[in-house]
Amino acid sequence: MTFVGRDRAAPAPTLDPGPLPGEFPLAPVPSSDVEGDAIQPVPADLEDSLVQPVPNGPVTVVAKVEPSSAADKARQRRQLGKSLQGRFILFWKRQSLPKRIAFASLAGVAVLCVVTLLVALAVPTAIRLPGTEPFKLGMEPVTDSFGLGDGVRWVHADDKLFDFRFVSPTRAVAVLHYQASSIARDEVNLSLNGVSLGWVPPDTAQTAERELEQILPPSLLRRNANNQILFDNALNPPGRDPWRIWNLRLEIIPVPEAPPDQLVASAREAATAGARFYELKDVGAENLFKAWREYRAAWITLEALDDKPELYEDVRERIAQISMELDHRCSQLMMQFQRAVQFRSRRDAVATLEDVRRRFPTAEHRCHNLALEKAYEHEL
C-alpha cells in the first residue's frame, strides 16, 4: 500500500553486539564525508602484515656483501703467491676458457701415458706396444716369435727371412741359436743363402725348454757381406699348420786353420775329454756342462773340414743327448727359483741362482744368461 503525502518512517537503528568472545576487533575504517568519495587505501605495512604469513622458525639475516676493492684483490693475490698451490690458482684464473680446456686435455693425456707405462713395466705381457718387426739377427737374442698360431707375435704362414752380416778377421763358423715348437718332422726347412741346411727338429717332450743349434758352414758364409737365413714351412701353403720360432741369436766362433789330419786329431781329443766328464756328471755339478762344451768344441773343429769323418756324426749325437739333459736341468732350476720367489724366500732364490751359475759357468749355454736376467729382475 502506498501512502501519499506522508514521510516514511526512519529506519530502526542497527544494534552492534560487539566482538564475540575470542575475536579481535578489526581496524576501524574511516568513513567518507562525502558520498561517492573513494575508499582510503590500507597502509602498506598493514597490508603486508595481513597478506604475508608470519614465519614460525628462526629467521636468517643475510648481510649485503660489498664488492671487493682493488686493495682486497691485491692482498689476496699476494697471499696466494706465497704457496705453490696458490700460484697455480692464480695462473689458472688468468687463462681463458679455451686454454683451460687445452691444459686439462694435455694433463689427461699425460696421466694416461704414465699409467700405461707403469702397467707395461709391471706386467710386460699385459700391454703390447706397437713396434717394428725384426728382420736382422745379431749377438743379442731376438725374443719375438714368428710363424703361425696362438702366441705368435709376427704372423708368417709360409716363411720367415732374416738378414745378418758376417764379419770375422779369420776363418770362423757361425752358430744359429733358436727355439722352435709346433713343428712336425720334415715341416720347416732351414737354408743359408739359398742352400738347404736341413729340417728343424720336430717337437719333443722338452720342446718348451730346449734350445736348438744350427752350424752355418764357413763355405756358405759370405764374409764381410750380407747373408740370409730362411725358415720355410713346406706345408704352408696350401695348409695353415701352426709353427713357431723365437729367441734367435748368432754366435761367431773362430775355427783353427790346420791340416785335416791335425783337425781330426784335435776333435778326437776333445771328444775323449767330453766322454770322461760325462761319466763324472753325478760327481760334480759342472761336469755335465764341461762334457757338453768338449763335445761342442770337437763338433766345431770338424766343421772346418769339407769332408766329414765318422767322428762327426758320433759327436753330433752326443751333443744332442747332453743338450737335452742340460735343458731339462735348467728348466728344473728355473721352476725351483720361481717357487722360492712365490713363497718370498730370498735365501732360497739366491741359493738357486748360485746353483745355476755353478752348473752353467759360462754364457755358452743360455741358462747362464737366464740366471743373470732373473737376478737383475728380482734385484738379487
Protein backbone atom coordinates (compact mmCIF):
# COMPACT_ATOMS: atom_id res chain seq x y z
CA MET A 1 0.00 0.00 0.00
CA THR A 2 1.31 3.49 -0.83
CA PHE A 3 0.86 6.42 1.48
CA VAL A 4 0.71 9.72 -0.22
CA GLY A 5 1.72 12.94 1.47
CA ARG A 6 3.49 11.41 4.44
CA ASP A 7 7.17 10.71 5.06
CA ARG A 8 8.29 7.18 5.53
CA ALA A 9 9.32 6.18 8.94
CA ALA A 10 13.04 6.36 9.68
CA PRO A 11 14.79 3.03 9.73
CA ALA A 12 15.37 1.44 13.07
CA PRO A 13 18.84 1.87 14.46
CA THR A 14 21.19 -1.10 13.99
CA LEU A 15 22.46 -2.62 17.19
CA ASP A 16 26.15 -3.51 17.46
CA PRO A 17 26.54 -6.54 19.66
CA GLY A 18 30.31 -6.03 19.88
CA PRO A 19 33.01 -8.64 19.32
CA LEU A 20 32.31 -12.18 20.25
CA PRO A 21 34.44 -13.90 22.84
CA GLY A 22 37.87 -14.84 21.35
CA GLU A 23 37.64 -12.35 18.44
CA PHE A 24 39.78 -9.25 17.95
CA PRO A 25 38.29 -6.00 16.78
CA LEU A 26 39.02 -5.10 13.20
CA ALA A 27 40.84 -1.93 12.36
CA PRO A 28 38.44 0.96 12.02
CA VAL A 29 37.78 2.10 8.52
CA PRO A 30 37.30 5.83 8.25
CA SER A 31 34.03 6.86 6.73
CA SER A 32 33.90 9.25 3.91
CA ASP A 33 32.41 12.65 4.50
CA VAL A 34 31.16 12.96 1.03
CA GLU A 35 29.02 10.42 -0.73
CA GLY A 36 30.85 8.82 -3.68
CA ASP A 37 34.38 9.53 -2.35
CA ALA A 38 36.97 6.72 -2.97
CA ILE A 39 37.77 4.36 -0.17
CA GLN A 40 41.02 5.26 1.57
CA PRO A 41 43.86 2.73 0.85
CA VAL A 42 45.16 0.49 3.58
CA PRO A 43 48.69 1.36 4.69
CA ALA A 44 51.41 -0.78 3.01
CA ASP A 45 52.85 -2.12 6.23
CA LEU A 46 49.44 -3.16 7.46
CA GLU A 47 48.58 -4.80 4.13
CA ASP A 48 51.81 -6.80 4.12
CA SER A 49 51.16 -7.95 7.65
CA LEU A 50 47.74 -9.18 6.61
CA VAL A 51 48.87 -10.98 3.40
CA GLN A 52 52.28 -12.42 4.24
CA PRO A 53 52.47 -15.33 6.74
CA VAL A 54 54.49 -14.93 9.84
CA PRO A 55 57.44 -17.40 9.87
CA ASN A 56 57.41 -19.89 12.67
CA GLY A 57 61.16 -20.97 12.57
CA PRO A 58 64.35 -18.99 13.08
CA VAL A 59 64.95 -16.10 10.75
CA THR A 60 68.24 -15.92 8.79
CA VAL A 61 69.57 -12.47 8.24
CA VAL A 62 71.64 -12.09 5.05
CA ALA A 63 74.07 -9.26 5.06
CA LYS A 64 74.74 -7.41 1.88
CA VAL A 65 78.30 -8.04 0.71
CA GLU A 66 80.01 -5.12 -0.82
CA PRO A 67 82.19 -5.86 -3.89
CA SER A 68 85.88 -6.41 -3.17
CA SER A 69 88.02 -3.41 -3.68
CA ALA A 70 91.26 -3.33 -5.68
CA ALA A 71 93.23 -3.38 -2.44
CA ASP A 72 91.47 -6.56 -1.28
CA LYS A 73 92.17 -8.26 -4.60
CA ALA A 74 95.82 -7.29 -4.44
CA ARG A 75 96.06 -8.64 -0.89
CA GLN A 76 94.51 -11.96 -1.99
CA ARG A 77 96.98 -12.23 -4.87
CA ARG A 78 99.90 -11.66 -2.51
CA GLN A 79 98.63 -14.35 -0.14
CA LEU A 80 98.14 -16.87 -2.98
CA GLY A 81 101.58 -16.11 -4.38
CA LYS A 82 103.23 -17.41 -1.20
CA SER A 83 102.46 -21.11 -1.98
CA LEU A 84 102.82 -23.34 -5.00
CA GLN A 85 99.14 -24.21 -4.94
CA GLY A 86 98.22 -20.53 -4.76
CA ARG A 87 100.45 -19.66 -7.72
CA PHE A 88 98.78 -22.42 -9.71
CA ILE A 89 95.33 -20.97 -8.83
CA LEU A 90 96.44 -17.52 -9.97
CA PHE A 91 97.82 -18.96 -13.21
CA TRP A 92 94.60 -20.89 -13.83
CA LYS A 93 92.40 -17.80 -13.23
CA ARG A 94 94.36 -15.77 -15.78
CA GLN A 95 93.71 -18.32 -18.58
CA SER A 96 90.81 -18.11 -20.95
CA LEU A 97 88.29 -20.95 -21.28
CA PRO A 98 89.86 -22.45 -24.46
CA LYS A 99 93.28 -22.50 -22.81
CA ARG A 100 91.86 -24.18 -19.70
CA ILE A 101 90.31 -26.90 -21.87
CA ALA A 102 93.62 -27.39 -23.71
CA PHE A 103 95.62 -27.65 -20.47
CA ALA A 104 93.13 -30.12 -18.98
CA SER A 105 93.30 -32.29 -22.11
CA LEU A 106 97.11 -32.35 -22.03
CA ALA A 107 97.07 -33.29 -18.35
CA GLY A 108 94.66 -36.15 -19.03
CA VAL A 109 96.83 -37.49 -21.84
CA ALA A 110 99.93 -37.29 -19.64
CA VAL A 111 98.25 -39.21 -16.82
CA LEU A 112 97.08 -41.89 -19.26
CA CYS A 113 100.61 -42.27 -20.67
CA VAL A 114 102.11 -42.63 -17.19
CA VAL A 115 99.54 -45.26 -16.18
CA THR A 116 100.16 -47.18 -19.41
CA LEU A 117 103.92 -47.08 -18.86
CA LEU A 118 103.60 -48.32 -15.27
CA VAL A 119 101.35 -51.19 -16.33
CA ALA A 120 103.74 -52.09 -19.15
CA LEU A 121 106.69 -52.14 -16.74
CA ALA A 122 104.84 -54.11 -14.07
CA VAL A 123 103.25 -56.63 -16.45
CA PRO A 124 105.11 -56.60 -19.77
CA THR A 125 102.72 -59.06 -21.38
CA ALA A 126 99.59 -57.14 -20.37
CA ILE A 127 100.10 -54.43 -22.96
CA ARG A 128 101.57 -54.98 -26.39
CA LEU A 129 103.00 -51.77 -27.62
CA PRO A 130 103.32 -51.43 -31.40
CA GLY A 131 106.80 -51.92 -32.83
CA THR A 132 108.80 -52.84 -35.90
CA GLU A 133 109.16 -56.47 -36.90
CA PRO A 134 112.78 -57.65 -36.56
CA PHE A 135 114.47 -58.68 -39.80
CA LYS A 136 118.13 -58.76 -38.70
CA LEU A 137 119.99 -61.21 -36.48
CA GLY A 138 122.97 -60.49 -34.25
CA MET A 139 124.60 -61.43 -30.98
CA GLU A 140 121.64 -60.20 -28.93
CA PRO A 141 118.63 -62.56 -28.78
CA VAL A 142 115.53 -61.71 -30.79
CA THR A 143 112.86 -62.71 -28.28
CA ASP A 144 109.88 -62.06 -30.59
CA SER A 145 108.11 -65.09 -32.05
CA PHE A 146 107.44 -65.75 -35.74
CA GLY A 147 105.23 -68.25 -37.52
CA LEU A 148 101.53 -69.05 -37.30
CA GLY A 149 99.24 -69.90 -34.39
CA ASP A 150 98.42 -68.83 -30.84
CA GLY A 151 101.03 -66.71 -29.11
CA VAL A 152 102.90 -65.78 -32.30
CA ARG A 153 103.94 -62.12 -32.35
CA TRP A 154 104.61 -61.76 -36.09
CA VAL A 155 102.47 -63.93 -38.36
CA HIS A 156 104.21 -65.71 -41.25
CA ALA A 157 102.25 -68.68 -42.53
CA ASP A 158 104.74 -69.59 -45.27
CA ASP A 159 108.27 -68.50 -44.33
CA LYS A 160 110.41 -66.03 -42.39
CA LEU A 161 113.62 -64.44 -43.72
CA PHE A 162 116.43 -62.93 -41.61
CA ASP A 163 119.48 -60.93 -42.68
CA PHE A 164 122.84 -60.78 -40.93
CA ARG A 165 126.33 -59.55 -41.70
CA PHE A 166 129.19 -61.99 -41.16
CA VAL A 167 132.36 -60.16 -40.11
CA SER A 168 135.40 -62.15 -38.98
CA PRO A 169 139.12 -61.45 -39.49
CA THR A 170 139.92 -65.19 -39.53
CA ARG A 171 138.23 -68.39 -40.58
CA ALA A 172 135.16 -68.91 -38.41
CA VAL A 173 131.81 -70.60 -38.23
CA ALA A 174 128.53 -69.04 -37.21
CA VAL A 175 126.16 -70.88 -34.91
CA LEU A 176 122.44 -70.08 -35.02
CA HIS A 177 120.70 -70.50 -31.66
CA TYR A 178 116.90 -70.60 -31.60
CA GLN A 179 113.84 -72.26 -30.11
CA ALA A 180 111.01 -73.87 -32.06
CA SER A 181 107.67 -75.51 -31.32
CA SER A 182 104.52 -76.85 -33.03
CA ILE A 183 106.69 -78.34 -35.77
CA ALA A 184 106.35 -81.83 -37.25
CA ARG A 185 109.02 -83.89 -38.94
CA ASP A 186 110.11 -82.53 -42.34
CA GLU A 187 107.87 -79.49 -41.97
CA VAL A 188 110.16 -76.43 -41.66
CA ASN A 189 113.31 -76.27 -43.77
CA LEU A 190 116.28 -74.10 -42.81
CA SER A 191 118.51 -72.65 -45.53
CA LEU A 192 121.51 -70.30 -45.71
CA ASN A 193 121.96 -68.10 -48.76
CA GLY A 194 119.67 -70.35 -50.78
CA VAL A 195 121.35 -73.64 -49.74
CA SER A 196 119.36 -76.04 -47.57
CA LEU A 197 120.88 -76.90 -44.18
CA GLY A 198 118.24 -79.46 -43.20
CA TRP A 199 114.96 -79.60 -41.31
CA VAL A 200 114.09 -78.01 -38.00
CA PRO A 201 113.87 -80.83 -35.40
CA PRO A 202 110.28 -81.84 -34.53
CA ASP A 203 108.69 -81.35 -31.13
CA THR A 204 109.74 -83.42 -28.15
CA ALA A 205 108.69 -83.62 -24.50
CA GLN A 206 111.19 -80.82 -23.72
CA THR A 207 110.13 -78.53 -26.58
CA ALA A 208 109.36 -75.57 -24.33
CA GLU A 209 112.78 -75.64 -22.65
CA ARG A 210 115.17 -76.90 -25.34
CA GLU A 211 117.48 -74.65 -27.34
CA LEU A 212 118.39 -75.67 -30.89
CA GLU A 213 121.72 -75.01 -32.58
CA GLN A 214 122.50 -74.95 -36.27
CA ILE A 215 126.02 -74.62 -37.65
CA LEU A 216 126.30 -72.20 -40.56
CA PRO A 217 129.14 -73.71 -42.64
CA PRO A 218 132.09 -71.41 -43.46
CA SER A 219 131.90 -72.45 -47.11
CA LEU A 220 128.41 -70.93 -47.40
CA LEU A 221 129.05 -67.74 -45.45
CA ARG A 222 129.82 -64.51 -47.27
CA ARG A 223 132.50 -62.77 -45.27
CA ASN A 224 132.01 -59.02 -44.75
CA ALA A 225 128.78 -59.17 -46.72
CA ASN A 226 125.06 -59.68 -46.17
CA ASN A 227 123.80 -63.23 -45.54
CA GLN A 228 120.26 -64.58 -45.39
CA ILE A 229 118.67 -67.30 -43.25
CA LEU A 230 115.28 -68.63 -44.34
CA PHE A 231 112.79 -70.70 -42.34
CA ASP A 232 110.41 -72.19 -44.92
CA ASN A 233 107.30 -74.14 -43.93
CA ALA A 234 106.88 -76.79 -46.61
CA LEU A 235 103.24 -77.46 -45.66
CA ASN A 236 102.05 -73.84 -45.89
CA PRO A 237 100.51 -73.10 -48.34
CA PRO A 238 98.18 -74.73 -49.15
CA GLY A 239 97.91 -75.71 -45.48
CA ARG A 240 97.58 -73.47 -42.42
CA ASP A 241 99.58 -75.57 -39.98
CA PRO A 242 100.81 -73.74 -36.85
CA TRP A 243 104.54 -73.32 -36.28
CA ARG A 244 106.67 -71.03 -34.17
CA ILE A 245 110.31 -69.91 -33.78
CA TRP A 246 111.70 -67.45 -31.21
CA ASN A 247 114.79 -66.49 -29.18
CA LEU A 248 117.08 -66.33 -32.21
CA ARG A 249 120.71 -65.21 -31.92
CA LEU A 250 124.05 -65.72 -33.67
CA GLU A 251 127.37 -66.85 -32.25
CA ILE A 252 130.61 -66.40 -34.20
CA ILE A 253 133.31 -68.97 -33.33
CA PRO A 254 136.80 -68.94 -34.88
CA VAL A 255 137.97 -72.35 -36.18
CA PRO A 256 141.59 -73.45 -36.33
CA GLU A 257 143.35 -73.27 -39.65
CA ALA A 258 145.31 -76.52 -39.78
CA PRO A 259 145.75 -79.60 -41.96
CA PRO A 260 142.80 -82.03 -41.97
CA ASP A 261 144.69 -84.71 -40.02
CA GLN A 262 145.52 -82.27 -37.27
CA LEU A 263 141.93 -81.06 -37.10
CA VAL A 264 140.62 -84.63 -36.77
CA ALA A 265 143.15 -85.38 -34.02
CA SER A 266 142.15 -82.24 -32.12
CA ALA A 267 138.46 -83.09 -32.43
CA ARG A 268 139.07 -86.66 -31.23
CA GLU A 269 140.93 -85.38 -28.18
CA ALA A 270 138.06 -83.05 -27.30
CA ALA A 271 135.52 -85.87 -27.73
CA THR A 272 137.54 -88.10 -25.40
CA ALA A 273 137.58 -85.37 -22.75
CA GLY A 274 133.83 -84.93 -23.17
CA ALA A 275 133.21 -88.63 -22.58
CA ARG A 276 135.31 -88.51 -19.41
CA PHE A 277 133.39 -85.55 -17.99
CA TYR A 278 130.07 -87.18 -18.86
CA GLU A 279 130.96 -90.25 -16.79
CA LEU A 280 131.55 -87.92 -13.82
CA LYS A 281 128.35 -85.90 -14.27
CA ASP A 282 126.95 -87.05 -10.90
CA VAL A 283 130.18 -86.26 -9.05
CA GLY A 284 130.49 -82.56 -9.79
CA ALA A 285 127.71 -80.10 -10.59
CA GLU A 286 129.58 -78.62 -13.54
CA ASN A 287 130.79 -81.88 -15.15
CA LEU A 288 127.75 -82.27 -17.41
CA PHE A 289 128.29 -78.76 -18.76
CA LYS A 290 132.01 -79.49 -19.30
CA ALA A 291 131.14 -82.65 -21.23
CA TRP A 292 128.79 -80.65 -23.45
CA ARG A 293 131.42 -77.98 -24.03
CA GLU A 294 134.12 -80.50 -25.02
CA TYR A 295 131.83 -82.29 -27.46
CA ARG A 296 130.83 -78.93 -28.86
CA ALA A 297 134.47 -77.96 -29.39
CA ALA A 298 135.01 -81.22 -31.29
CA TRP A 299 131.93 -80.52 -33.40
CA ILE A 300 133.07 -77.01 -34.35
CA THR A 301 136.57 -78.24 -35.19
CA LEU A 302 135.16 -80.85 -37.55
CA GLU A 303 133.02 -78.20 -39.23
CA ALA A 304 136.23 -76.75 -40.68
CA LEU A 305 136.59 -79.89 -42.80
CA ASP A 306 134.95 -80.18 -46.17
CA ASP A 307 134.84 -83.99 -45.91
CA LYS A 308 133.36 -85.01 -42.56
CA PRO A 309 134.75 -88.18 -40.86
CA GLU A 310 132.65 -90.74 -38.99
CA LEU A 311 133.52 -88.99 -35.74
CA TYR A 312 131.36 -86.07 -36.87
CA GLU A 313 128.07 -87.99 -36.60
CA ASP A 314 129.05 -89.51 -33.24
CA VAL A 315 129.83 -86.08 -31.85
CA ARG A 316 126.53 -84.67 -33.10
CA GLU A 317 124.56 -87.46 -31.42
CA ARG A 318 126.36 -86.94 -28.11
CA ILE A 319 125.75 -83.20 -28.25
CA ALA A 320 122.03 -83.70 -28.89
CA GLN A 321 121.76 -86.09 -25.93
CA ILE A 322 123.70 -83.91 -23.49
CA SER A 323 121.89 -80.77 -24.64
CA MET A 324 118.55 -82.32 -23.71
CA GLU A 325 119.86 -83.17 -20.25
CA LEU A 326 121.20 -79.66 -19.75
CA ASP A 327 117.96 -78.04 -20.91
CA HIS A 328 115.95 -80.26 -18.57
CA ARG A 329 118.20 -79.41 -15.64
CA CYS A 330 117.96 -75.72 -16.45
CA SER A 331 114.16 -75.96 -16.52
CA GLN A 332 114.10 -77.67 -13.11
CA LEU A 333 116.30 -74.97 -11.58
CA MET A 334 114.12 -72.20 -13.01
CA MET A 335 111.00 -73.83 -11.57
CA GLN A 336 112.74 -74.10 -8.22
CA PHE A 337 113.61 -70.41 -8.42
CA GLN A 338 110.01 -69.46 -9.22
CA ARG A 339 108.77 -71.40 -6.18
CA ALA A 340 111.23 -69.53 -3.99
CA VAL A 341 110.01 -66.22 -5.38
CA GLN A 342 106.38 -67.26 -4.94
CA PHE A 343 106.94 -68.11 -1.27
CA ARG A 344 109.10 -64.98 -0.85
CA SER A 345 112.14 -66.89 0.28
CA ARG A 346 115.02 -64.66 -0.74
CA ARG A 347 117.58 -67.06 0.67
CA ASP A 348 116.30 -69.99 -1.41
CA ALA A 349 116.09 -67.84 -4.54
CA VAL A 350 119.69 -66.67 -4.18
CA ALA A 351 120.87 -70.22 -3.49
CA THR A 352 119.10 -71.49 -6.61
CA LEU A 353 120.70 -68.85 -8.82
CA GLU A 354 124.10 -69.70 -7.36
CA ASP A 355 123.46 -73.33 -8.26
CA VAL A 356 122.60 -72.28 -11.82
CA ARG A 357 125.85 -70.34 -12.16
CA ARG A 358 127.78 -73.30 -10.80
CA ARG A 359 126.23 -75.76 -13.25
CA PHE A 360 126.36 -73.30 -16.18
CA PRO A 361 129.53 -71.27 -15.54
CA THR A 362 129.73 -69.51 -18.94
CA ALA A 363 127.36 -67.86 -21.38
CA GLU A 364 127.84 -70.66 -23.92
CA HIS A 365 124.58 -72.11 -22.62
CA ARG A 366 121.51 -69.88 -22.43
CA CYS A 367 120.77 -70.89 -18.82
CA HIS A 368 123.73 -68.83 -17.61
CA ASN A 369 122.31 -65.61 -19.06
CA LEU A 370 118.83 -66.59 -17.91
CA ALA A 371 120.05 -66.70 -14.31
CA LEU A 372 121.61 -63.25 -14.71
CA GLU A 373 118.32 -61.89 -16.04
CA LYS A 374 116.36 -63.34 -13.11
CA ALA A 375 118.83 -61.91 -10.62
CA TYR A 376 118.53 -58.47 -12.19
CA GLU A 377 114.74 -58.69 -12.44
CA HIS A 378 114.30 -59.56 -8.75
CA GLU A 379 117.25 -57.45 -7.50
CA LEU A 380 119.11 -60.43 -6.07
